[in-house]
Amino acid sequence: MYIHIGGEYTLSDKWIVGIFDLDQTTTYGTDTKNFLSKQEQLGKLDIVSPDIPRSFIVTLDRIYLSPISAKTIVSRSCQNKHKFFLVK
């Protein structure tokens, strides 16, 4: 099943490793910021939309910054009978 993550992007649920709330994961510490920065340097970070990113989706080969909240993306995946957990 495919999940719309914003803009022109849809991802196969088979490729998704995790769906993360950007605010919650970058508020404390620098590990997430360092991870995203490193992925950008490697050319593996895609920005889905020019809107302010609210979540990021980790797949087997790329990272996507999305303006859609992690909660909304998780609920879309649950409607498709796939189980993802919201990471805060």
Protein backbone atom coordinates (compact mmCIF):
# COMPACT_ATOMS: atom_id res chain seq x y z
CA MET A 1 0.00 0.00 0.00
CA TYR A 2 1.16 3.55 -0.68
CA ILE A 3 1.01 6.40 1.81
CA HIS A 4 0.88 10.06 0.79
CA ILE A 5 3.48 12.05 2.77
CA GLY A 6 2.90 15.48 1.22
CA GLY A 7 3.53 17.30 -2.02
CA GLU A 8 3.89 14.91 -4.92
CA TYR A 9 5.30 12.13 -2.75
CA THR A 10 3.83 8.75 -1.92
CA LEU A 11 5.82 5.93 -0.37
CA SER A 12 5.31 2.21 -0.27
CA ASP A 13 4.70 1.09 3.30
CA LYS A 14 7.14 -1.75 2.66
CA TRP A 15 10.01 0.77 2.46
CA ILE A 16 9.15 2.78 5.58
CA VAL A 17 11.36 2.12 8.59
CA GLY A 18 10.02 4.89 10.85
CA ILE A 19 7.87 8.00 11.03
CA PHE A 20 9.10 10.69 13.44
CA ASP A 21 7.79 13.97 14.83
CA LEU A 22 10.43 16.57 13.93
CA ASP A 23 9.76 18.92 16.86
CA GLN A 24 9.80 16.19 19.48
CA THR A 25 12.94 14.49 18.20
CA THR A 26 15.02 17.65 17.75
CA THR A 27 14.09 19.53 20.91
CA TYR A 28 16.45 17.72 23.28
CA GLY A 29 19.98 16.84 22.25
CA THR A 30 21.62 16.98 18.86
CA ASP A 31 21.58 13.36 17.68
CA THR A 32 18.62 13.77 15.33
CA LYS A 33 19.92 17.07 13.95
CA ASN A 34 23.31 15.46 13.31
CA PHE A 35 21.66 12.46 11.65
CA LEU A 36 19.56 14.65 9.32
CA SER A 37 22.54 16.88 8.54
CA LYS A 38 24.68 13.86 7.64
CA GLN A 39 21.93 12.46 5.39
CA GLU A 40 21.70 15.83 3.64
CA GLN A 41 25.46 15.83 3.04
CA LEU A 42 25.20 12.31 1.58
CA GLY A 43 22.40 13.45 -0.75
CA LYS A 44 19.86 11.16 0.89
CA LEU A 45 17.51 13.81 2.29
CA ASP A 46 14.47 14.86 0.26
CA ILE A 47 12.37 17.88 1.17
CA VAL A 48 8.81 17.03 0.18
CA SER A 49 7.42 20.58 0.19
CA PRO A 50 8.57 24.17 0.70
CA ASP A 51 6.24 24.32 3.72
CA ILE A 52 7.68 24.03 7.22
CA PRO A 53 8.55 20.36 7.91
CA ARG A 54 6.66 18.73 10.77
CA SER A 55 7.88 15.16 10.44
CA PHE A 56 10.49 13.00 8.82
CA ILE A 57 10.11 9.56 7.35
CA VAL A 58 13.02 7.12 7.31
CA THR A 59 12.95 4.56 4.51
CA LEU A 60 15.40 1.84 3.55
CA ASP A 61 17.40 4.22 1.35
CA ARG A 62 16.28 7.84 1.96
CA ILE A 63 14.93 10.34 4.48
CA TYR A 64 11.95 12.57 3.66
CA LEU A 65 11.05 15.84 5.41
CA SER A 66 7.28 16.28 5.29
CA PRO A 67 4.95 19.18 6.17
CA ILE A 68 2.37 16.63 7.32
CA SER A 69 2.39 15.71 11.00
CA ALA A 70 3.73 12.30 12.01
CA LYS A 71 0.39 11.55 13.66
CA THR A 72 -1.48 12.11 10.38
CA ILE A 73 0.93 9.94 8.39
CA VAL A 74 0.68 7.17 10.99
CA SER A 75 -3.13 7.37 10.90
CA ARG A 76 -3.04 7.08 7.09
CA SER A 77 -0.94 3.95 7.40
CA CYS A 78 -3.34 2.51 10.00
CA GLN A 79 -6.27 3.09 7.64
CA ASN A 80 -4.40 0.83 5.26
CA LYS A 81 -4.17 -1.84 8.00
CA HIS A 82 -0.45 -1.40 8.55
CA LYS A 83 0.89 -0.75 12.00
CA PHE A 84 3.34 2.07 12.60
CA PHE A 85 3.95 3.73 15.91
CA LEU A 86 4.22 7.45 16.54
CA VAL A 87 7.66 8.25 17.95
CA LYS A 88 7.77 11.30 20.20
